[in-house]
Amino acid sequence: MFTWKNQTFLVGRRDLNPPYDRAWKWLPFVIWKYYNLVSFSLRGHTTAIWRLDQDTMKLEWLTDLPGAGDNAFPSILQIDEN
C-alpha cells in the first residue's frame, strides 16, 4: 500500500478468473481447501492497482499493470515530490 496526494492505493496480485472458492463446497473442508489451493495456483494472475475509497472503505480496481505472467512482487519508489 502507498499514499499519494492524500489517497491510498494498493498494489497486488489479481485473480483473472474469480471467484475460485465457490466450487466444490459440498466436499469435506480438508479436500475443498486443497482443491482451492491447486485451482488458484493453476489460474492466470496479474498485478493490479486499486484505490481505497475513503468514504466506503472499499477498494476500487483501477488497472492491471503490464507484465509477462504472474508478477505480483511490486515495490514503490518515490523519485521526486510528485
Protein backbone atom coordinates (compact mmCIF):
# COMPACT_ATOMS: atom_id res chain seq x y z
CA MET A 1 0.00 0.00 0.00
CA PHE A 2 1.07 3.57 -0.57
CA THR A 3 -0.37 7.06 -0.35
CA TRP A 4 -0.20 9.78 -2.97
CA LYS A 5 -1.93 13.17 -2.82
CA ASN A 6 -3.98 12.13 0.24
CA GLN A 7 -5.25 8.96 -1.44
CA THR A 8 -4.41 5.38 -0.53
CA PHE A 9 -3.59 2.77 -3.16
CA LEU A 10 -2.99 -0.97 -3.08
CA VAL A 11 -0.75 -2.88 -5.49
CA GLY A 12 -1.09 -6.65 -5.53
CA ARG A 13 -1.99 -9.85 -7.33
CA ARG A 14 -5.36 -10.08 -9.09
CA ASP A 15 -7.05 -13.36 -9.95
CA LEU A 16 -8.19 -13.23 -13.58
CA ASN A 17 -10.95 -15.83 -13.12
CA PRO A 18 -12.73 -15.24 -9.79
CA PRO A 19 -14.50 -16.46 -7.78
CA TYR A 20 -12.38 -19.52 -7.17
CA ASP A 21 -13.68 -20.52 -3.74
CA ARG A 22 -17.33 -21.29 -4.52
CA ALA A 23 -16.97 -24.54 -6.47
CA TRP A 24 -16.95 -27.91 -4.79
CA LYS A 25 -18.35 -26.57 -1.48
CA TRP A 26 -20.12 -29.88 -0.92
CA LEU A 27 -16.77 -31.61 -0.37
CA PRO A 28 -15.33 -32.02 3.14
CA PHE A 29 -13.38 -28.92 4.15
CA VAL A 30 -9.96 -30.65 4.08
CA ILE A 31 -10.45 -31.70 0.43
CA TRP A 32 -12.11 -28.41 -0.54
CA LYS A 33 -9.18 -26.43 0.94
CA TYR A 34 -6.64 -28.28 -1.20
CA TYR A 35 -8.86 -28.02 -4.27
CA ASN A 36 -8.82 -24.22 -3.80
CA LEU A 37 -5.04 -24.10 -3.37
CA VAL A 38 -4.40 -26.11 -6.53
CA SER A 39 -7.09 -24.29 -8.51
CA PHE A 40 -5.71 -20.87 -7.52
CA SER A 41 -2.17 -21.90 -8.49
CA LEU A 42 -3.20 -23.08 -11.96
CA ARG A 43 -5.20 -19.98 -12.94
CA GLY A 44 -3.82 -16.82 -14.53
CA HIS A 45 -2.95 -13.82 -12.37
CA THR A 46 -1.70 -10.31 -12.94
CA THR A 47 -0.53 -7.36 -10.88
CA ALA A 48 -3.11 -4.60 -10.41
CA ILE A 49 -3.64 -1.25 -8.71
CA TRP A 50 -6.68 -0.41 -6.58
CA ARG A 51 -7.68 2.87 -4.91
CA LEU A 52 -9.19 2.88 -1.44
CA ASP A 53 -12.47 4.81 -1.34
CA GLN A 54 -12.18 6.67 1.98
CA ASP A 55 -15.98 7.03 2.32
CA THR A 56 -16.96 3.39 1.82
CA MET A 57 -13.61 1.82 2.80
CA LYS A 58 -13.85 -0.37 -0.32
CA LEU A 59 -11.22 -0.95 -2.96
CA GLU A 60 -11.85 0.32 -6.49
CA TRP A 61 -9.94 -1.54 -9.20
CA LEU A 62 -8.08 0.93 -11.42
CA THR A 63 -5.92 -1.04 -13.83
CA ASP A 64 -3.78 -4.10 -14.45
CA LEU A 65 -0.07 -3.49 -14.87
CA PRO A 66 1.67 -4.85 -17.97
CA GLY A 67 3.70 -7.96 -17.38
CA ALA A 68 4.60 -11.41 -18.60
CA GLY A 69 2.58 -13.60 -16.27
CA ASP A 70 2.33 -13.89 -12.51
CA ASN A 71 4.47 -10.96 -11.41
CA ALA A 72 2.94 -9.68 -8.16
CA PHE A 73 6.15 -8.63 -6.44
CA PRO A 74 5.65 -4.86 -6.53
CA SER A 75 7.68 -2.16 -4.86
CA ILE A 76 7.17 1.59 -4.67
CA LEU A 77 9.95 4.09 -5.20
CA GLN A 78 9.49 7.84 -4.80
CA ILE A 79 11.59 9.59 -7.43
CA ASP A 80 10.52 13.22 -6.87
CA GLU A 81 7.99 15.38 -4.99
CA ASN A 82 5.08 14.10 -7.09
